[in-house]
Amino acid sequence: MLETIKEMYQYNSWATGEVLKTMRGLSSEQYDSPGCSGNGSIHGTLVHLMSTQNNWVLWFNGKIAEKAQAPKIKTNDIPTVESAEEFWRTLDAETTTFIESLTVEKLLANWSWISPAGSSVSLPLWKILLHIENHGTHTRAQIMSAVRRLGVTPNKTDLVFFELTKK
């Protein structure tokens, strides 16, 4: 289980990097235009992807006492592809440090929080981490679909292509 989590977060790092490389080829109008099923625009959906992972990692690292205290990152906070790349470098490094510190015991430990709907939730860390990774895969797909609708060919982000980069 531990090795699978580590592998999936290596994939997450690579795939988000590929999304950012694709974003470099977009005009600012394309980056901010409506039409992305996630959060309105490619820009908004990319910020959502990073904000979500950032908020979980802040909580896991003890930088916020409760998940509900996570900062609300907005598109104005990460206005350009360049600023998104800078934000991602820091977030990716913090995520990698956290993931590399894990043990099987830590993965099995329950984490509890209050959901946005107000109910109490408790899950083992490994399930939360897989949820975050799955959310990232889903959100990256929303972004890449929007890029394709603009007539731009995005970089490949499937897990198999990540594996092929290691050969």
Foldseek 3Di string as FASTA:
>chain_A
DLVVLLLLLVLLLVLLVLLLVLQVPDDLCQQPAADQVQQGGLLQLLQVLLQVLQLVLCCLVVVDVASVPRDDDGCVNQVGSVSSVVSSVVSSVSVNVSSVPDDVVQQQDWDWHADPVGHIDIDGNVVVSVVSSVVSVVSSVSSQVSCVVVVGHGDDSDPVVVVVVVD
